[in-house]
Amino acid sequence: MTVPAVEPLRVIDVRNPDRPTYTTADIHTRLLDLQRAYWAADARVQEVTAALPSAQEVLEGAMTDEQRAEPEAAREARLQALEALNRHEWWGGTGGRHAAWMAPQKAARG
């Protein structure tokens, strides 16, 4: 038995009719991609900071300039990923921000 294809729902912001419309599939895919990009950037920050020398080793001069710069670059990438996620147009049309924030996280884990 074949299941017929279903057209994705077209989402239009009635408060702002000039805003571009997206299908639910487009929004879902974009949010998932942005959420996953943030998680990847966050994991990179964790990886970089875990590899840093201990506080005692830093006091003893064991930290290189590269080790100082790498966490800064990773944190900057994480911030940019978070900002891209937060700037997505979909957030402006949601009623409950927390529920809307949790939806792509649950879906991305799925």
N, C-alpha and C. Protein backbone atom coordinates (compact mmCIF):
# COMPACT_ATOMS: atom_id res chain seq x y z
N MET A 1 0.84 -1.18 0.00
CA MET A 1 0.00 0.00 0.00
C MET A 1 0.89 1.25 0.00
N THR A 2 0.61 2.15 -0.90
CA THR A 2 1.37 3.38 -0.96
C THR A 2 0.61 4.50 -0.27
N VAL A 3 1.37 5.32 0.42
CA VAL A 3 0.78 6.46 1.11
C VAL A 3 0.94 7.68 0.23
N PRO A 4 -0.14 8.41 -0.01
CA PRO A 4 -0.04 9.59 -0.86
C PRO A 4 0.82 10.66 -0.21
N ALA A 5 1.55 11.42 -1.02
CA ALA A 5 2.36 12.52 -0.51
C ALA A 5 1.45 13.62 0.01
N VAL A 6 1.85 14.23 1.10
CA VAL A 6 1.08 15.31 1.71
C VAL A 6 1.86 16.60 1.53
N GLU A 7 1.16 17.60 1.05
CA GLU A 7 1.80 18.90 0.89
C GLU A 7 2.04 19.51 2.27
N PRO A 8 3.25 20.06 2.51
CA PRO A 8 3.51 20.72 3.79
C PRO A 8 2.62 21.94 3.96
N LEU A 9 2.28 22.23 5.17
CA LEU A 9 1.45 23.37 5.51
C LEU A 9 2.22 24.66 5.23
N ARG A 10 1.58 25.62 4.56
CA ARG A 10 2.21 26.91 4.31
C ARG A 10 1.94 27.80 5.52
N VAL A 11 3.01 28.39 6.08
CA VAL A 11 2.90 29.23 7.27
C VAL A 11 3.00 30.68 6.86
N ILE A 12 2.00 31.46 7.24
CA ILE A 12 1.98 32.89 6.94
C ILE A 12 1.78 33.62 8.26
N ASP A 13 2.60 34.61 8.52
CA ASP A 13 2.47 35.42 9.73
C ASP A 13 1.42 36.48 9.46
N VAL A 14 0.24 36.33 10.07
CA VAL A 14 -0.86 37.25 9.79
C VAL A 14 -0.60 38.64 10.36
N ARG A 15 0.26 38.72 11.37
CA ARG A 15 0.60 40.04 11.93
C ARG A 15 1.56 40.80 11.03
N ASN A 16 2.26 40.07 10.17
CA ASN A 16 3.23 40.69 9.29
C ASN A 16 3.13 40.03 7.92
N PRO A 17 2.14 40.41 7.12
CA PRO A 17 1.93 39.73 5.84
C PRO A 17 3.06 39.92 4.84
N ASP A 18 3.94 40.89 5.05
CA ASP A 18 5.06 41.10 4.14
C ASP A 18 6.21 40.13 4.41
N ARG A 19 6.17 39.46 5.53
CA ARG A 19 7.22 38.48 5.87
C ARG A 19 7.14 37.31 4.90
N PRO A 20 8.28 36.78 4.50
CA PRO A 20 8.25 35.64 3.58
C PRO A 20 7.54 34.44 4.21
N THR A 21 6.89 33.68 3.39
CA THR A 21 6.20 32.49 3.90
C THR A 21 7.12 31.28 3.76
N TYR A 22 6.94 30.35 4.64
CA TYR A 22 7.70 29.11 4.63
C TYR A 22 6.74 27.96 4.82
N THR A 23 7.10 26.84 4.30
CA THR A 23 6.33 25.65 4.62
C THR A 23 6.83 25.13 5.96
N THR A 24 6.01 24.34 6.63
CA THR A 24 6.45 23.77 7.90
C THR A 24 7.68 22.90 7.70
N ALA A 25 7.78 22.26 6.56
CA ALA A 25 8.96 21.44 6.28
C ALA A 25 10.21 22.30 6.18
N ASP A 26 10.12 23.48 5.54
CA ASP A 26 11.26 24.39 5.44
C ASP A 26 11.69 24.88 6.82
N ILE A 27 10.73 25.31 7.60
CA ILE A 27 11.03 25.84 8.92
C ILE A 27 11.67 24.74 9.76
N HIS A 28 11.07 23.60 9.73
CA HIS A 28 11.56 22.49 10.53
C HIS A 28 13.00 22.15 10.14
N THR A 29 13.28 22.05 8.88
CA THR A 29 14.62 21.70 8.41
C THR A 29 15.62 22.77 8.79
N ARG A 30 15.28 24.01 8.59
CA ARG A 30 16.20 25.10 8.93
C ARG A 30 16.49 25.14 10.42
N LEU A 31 15.45 25.01 11.22
CA LEU A 31 15.66 25.05 12.67
C LEU A 31 16.49 23.86 13.14
N LEU A 32 16.24 22.70 12.58
CA LEU A 32 17.03 21.53 12.95
C LEU A 32 18.50 21.73 12.57
N ASP A 33 18.74 22.25 11.38
CA ASP A 33 20.12 22.50 10.95
C ASP A 33 20.81 23.50 11.87
N LEU A 34 20.10 24.57 12.21
CA LEU A 34 20.68 25.58 13.09
C LEU A 34 20.90 25.03 14.49
N GLN A 35 19.95 24.24 14.99
CA GLN A 35 20.11 23.65 16.31
C GLN A 35 21.31 22.70 16.35
N ARG A 36 21.42 21.88 15.32
CA ARG A 36 22.55 20.94 15.27
C ARG A 36 23.89 21.67 15.12
N ALA A 37 23.89 22.76 14.38
CA ALA A 37 25.12 23.54 14.23
C ALA A 37 25.54 24.13 15.58
N TYR A 38 24.55 24.59 16.35
CA TYR A 38 24.87 25.11 17.68
C TYR A 38 25.43 24.00 18.57
N TRP A 39 24.79 22.85 18.56
CA TRP A 39 25.29 21.73 19.38
C TRP A 39 26.70 21.32 18.98
N ALA A 40 26.99 21.33 17.69
CA ALA A 40 28.33 20.98 17.22
C ALA A 40 29.35 22.01 17.71
N ALA A 41 28.99 23.28 17.62
CA ALA A 41 29.88 24.34 18.09
C ALA A 41 30.08 24.25 19.60
N ASP A 42 29.02 23.94 20.33
CA ASP A 42 29.13 23.79 21.78
C ASP A 42 30.02 22.59 22.14
N ALA A 43 29.87 21.50 21.41
CA ALA A 43 30.71 20.32 21.65
C ALA A 43 32.17 20.65 21.37
N ARG A 44 32.42 21.47 20.36
CA ARG A 44 33.79 21.87 20.05
C ARG A 44 34.39 22.69 21.20
N VAL A 45 33.60 23.58 21.78
CA VAL A 45 34.08 24.35 22.93
C VAL A 45 34.43 23.41 24.08
N GLN A 46 33.57 22.43 24.34
CA GLN A 46 33.85 21.47 25.41
C GLN A 46 35.13 20.69 25.13
N GLU A 47 35.30 20.28 23.88
CA GLU A 47 36.48 19.53 23.48
C GLU A 47 37.76 20.35 23.66
N VAL A 48 37.72 21.60 23.22
CA VAL A 48 38.89 22.47 23.30
C VAL A 48 39.24 22.78 24.75
N THR A 49 38.24 23.12 25.55
CA THR A 49 38.53 23.47 26.93
C THR A 49 38.97 22.26 27.75
N ALA A 50 38.49 21.08 27.41
CA ALA A 50 38.91 19.87 28.12
C ALA A 50 40.38 19.55 27.84
N ALA A 51 40.89 19.98 26.70
CA ALA A 51 42.26 19.69 26.33
C ALA A 51 43.26 20.71 26.87
N LEU A 52 42.76 21.76 27.51
CA LEU A 52 43.66 22.77 28.06
C LEU A 52 44.45 22.22 29.25
N PRO A 53 45.63 22.79 29.48
CA PRO A 53 46.39 22.35 30.65
C PRO A 53 45.68 22.74 31.94
N SER A 54 46.06 22.09 33.02
CA SER A 54 45.45 22.40 34.32
C SER A 54 45.85 23.80 34.77
N ALA A 55 45.17 24.30 35.77
CA ALA A 55 45.49 25.62 36.29
C ALA A 55 46.94 25.67 36.78
N GLN A 56 47.39 24.62 37.43
CA GLN A 56 48.77 24.56 37.91
C GLN A 56 49.76 24.63 36.74
N GLU A 57 49.46 23.89 35.68
CA GLU A 57 50.33 23.90 34.50
C GLU A 57 50.36 25.28 33.84
N VAL A 58 49.21 25.96 33.85
CA VAL A 58 49.15 27.31 33.28
C VAL A 58 50.05 28.23 34.09
N LEU A 59 49.97 28.13 35.42
CA LEU A 59 50.82 28.95 36.28
C LEU A 59 52.30 28.67 36.04
N GLU A 60 52.61 27.45 35.68
CA GLU A 60 53.99 27.07 35.42
C GLU A 60 54.43 27.43 34.00
N GLY A 61 53.53 28.04 33.21
CA GLY A 61 53.88 28.49 31.87
C GLY A 61 53.70 27.46 30.78
N ALA A 62 52.89 26.44 31.03
CA ALA A 62 52.73 25.36 30.05
C ALA A 62 51.72 25.67 28.95
N MET A 63 51.06 26.80 29.01
CA MET A 63 50.02 27.12 28.02
C MET A 63 50.63 27.92 26.87
N THR A 64 50.40 27.42 25.65
CA THR A 64 50.93 28.09 24.46
C THR A 64 49.96 29.17 23.99
N ASP A 65 50.44 30.01 23.09
CA ASP A 65 49.57 31.05 22.50
C ASP A 65 48.43 30.41 21.72
N GLU A 66 48.71 29.30 21.05
CA GLU A 66 47.67 28.59 20.30
C GLU A 66 46.59 28.06 21.25
N GLN A 67 47.01 27.55 22.39
CA GLN A 67 46.03 27.04 23.36
C GLN A 67 45.20 28.17 23.94
N ARG A 68 45.75 29.36 24.00
CA ARG A 68 44.98 30.52 24.47
C ARG A 68 43.97 30.97 23.41
N ALA A 69 44.37 30.91 22.15
CA ALA A 69 43.52 31.41 21.06
C ALA A 69 42.41 30.44 20.67
N GLU A 70 42.68 29.16 20.78
CA GLU A 70 41.71 28.16 20.31
C GLU A 70 40.37 28.21 21.05
N PRO A 71 40.35 28.32 22.38
CA PRO A 71 39.04 28.42 23.05
C PRO A 71 38.27 29.68 22.67
N GLU A 72 38.99 30.77 22.47
CA GLU A 72 38.34 32.01 22.07
C GLU A 72 37.66 31.85 20.71
N ALA A 73 38.35 31.23 19.76
CA ALA A 73 37.77 31.01 18.43
C ALA A 73 36.58 30.06 18.50
N ALA A 74 36.70 29.01 19.31
CA ALA A 74 35.59 28.06 19.45
C ALA A 74 34.38 28.71 20.10
N ARG A 75 34.62 29.54 21.10
CA ARG A 75 33.50 30.24 21.76
C ARG A 75 32.84 31.24 20.83
N GLU A 76 33.64 31.90 20.00
CA GLU A 76 33.09 32.83 19.01
C GLU A 76 32.21 32.09 18.01
N ALA A 77 32.66 30.93 17.55
CA ALA A 77 31.86 30.12 16.61
C ALA A 77 30.56 29.67 17.26
N ARG A 78 30.63 29.30 18.54
CA ARG A 78 29.41 28.89 19.26
C ARG A 78 28.45 30.05 19.39
N LEU A 79 28.96 31.23 19.70
CA LEU A 79 28.10 32.41 19.81
C LEU A 79 27.44 32.73 18.48
N GLN A 80 28.19 32.65 17.40
CA GLN A 80 27.62 32.90 16.07
C GLN A 80 26.53 31.89 15.73
N ALA A 81 26.75 30.63 16.10
CA ALA A 81 25.74 29.60 15.84
C ALA A 81 24.48 29.88 16.64
N LEU A 82 24.64 30.28 17.90
CA LEU A 82 23.48 30.60 18.73
C LEU A 82 22.73 31.81 18.20
N GLU A 83 23.47 32.82 17.77
CA GLU A 83 22.82 34.01 17.21
C GLU A 83 22.07 33.67 15.92
N ALA A 84 22.64 32.83 15.08
CA ALA A 84 21.94 32.43 13.86
C ALA A 84 20.65 31.70 14.20
N LEU A 85 20.70 30.84 15.20
CA LEU A 85 19.50 30.13 15.63
C LEU A 85 18.46 31.10 16.17
N ASN A 86 18.87 32.04 16.99
CA ASN A 86 17.94 32.99 17.58
C ASN A 86 17.40 34.00 16.59
N ARG A 87 18.11 34.26 15.51
CA ARG A 87 17.65 35.24 14.51
C ARG A 87 16.69 34.65 13.49
N HIS A 88 16.48 33.36 13.53
CA HIS A 88 15.59 32.75 12.53
C HIS A 88 14.21 33.39 12.60
N GLU A 89 13.63 33.65 11.43
CA GLU A 89 12.35 34.36 11.34
C GLU A 89 11.22 33.67 12.08
N TRP A 90 11.30 32.38 12.22
CA TRP A 90 10.20 31.62 12.82
C TRP A 90 9.91 32.04 14.25
N TRP A 91 10.94 32.45 14.99
CA TRP A 91 10.73 32.80 16.40
C TRP A 91 9.79 33.98 16.57
N GLY A 92 9.76 34.90 15.61
CA GLY A 92 8.90 36.07 15.73
C GLY A 92 7.42 35.75 15.70
N GLY A 93 7.03 34.63 15.16
CA GLY A 93 5.61 34.30 15.05
C GLY A 93 5.12 33.30 16.07
N THR A 94 5.95 32.97 17.05
CA THR A 94 5.54 31.97 18.03
C THR A 94 4.95 32.64 19.25
N GLY A 95 4.01 31.98 19.87
CA GLY A 95 3.38 32.52 21.07
C GLY A 95 4.19 32.22 22.32
N GLY A 96 4.50 30.96 22.56
CA GLY A 96 5.24 30.57 23.74
C GLY A 96 6.69 30.33 23.39
N ARG A 97 7.55 31.22 23.77
CA ARG A 97 8.96 31.15 23.39
C ARG A 97 9.63 29.87 23.92
N HIS A 98 9.36 29.50 25.16
CA HIS A 98 10.01 28.32 25.71
C HIS A 98 9.59 27.05 24.97
N ALA A 99 8.31 26.88 24.75
CA ALA A 99 7.83 25.70 24.03
C ALA A 99 8.39 25.69 22.60
N ALA A 100 8.46 26.87 21.99
CA ALA A 100 9.00 26.96 20.64
C ALA A 100 10.50 26.64 20.64
N TRP A 101 11.21 27.03 21.66
CA TRP A 101 12.64 26.76 21.76
C TRP A 101 12.90 25.26 21.95
N MET A 102 12.05 24.62 22.71
CA MET A 102 12.23 23.20 23.00
C MET A 102 11.88 22.30 21.81
N ALA A 103 10.96 22.73 20.96
CA ALA A 103 10.50 21.90 19.85
C ALA A 103 11.63 21.46 18.92
N PRO A 104 12.47 22.36 18.39
CA PRO A 104 13.54 21.90 17.51
C PRO A 104 14.59 21.07 18.24
N GLN A 105 14.78 21.32 19.53
CA GLN A 105 15.74 20.52 20.28
C GLN A 105 15.27 19.08 20.39
N LYS A 106 13.99 18.91 20.69
CA LYS A 106 13.44 17.55 20.78
C LYS A 106 13.47 16.88 19.41
N ALA A 107 13.12 17.61 18.38
CA ALA A 107 13.10 17.04 17.03
C ALA A 107 14.50 16.70 16.54
N ALA A 108 15.47 17.54 16.86
CA ALA A 108 16.85 17.31 16.40
C ALA A 108 17.46 16.08 17.07
N ARG A 109 17.03 15.80 18.27
CA ARG A 109 17.53 14.60 18.97
C ARG A 109 16.93 13.33 18.40
N GLY A 110 15.68 13.48 17.88
CA GLY A 110 14.90 12.36 17.40
C GLY A 110 15.56 11.50 16.44
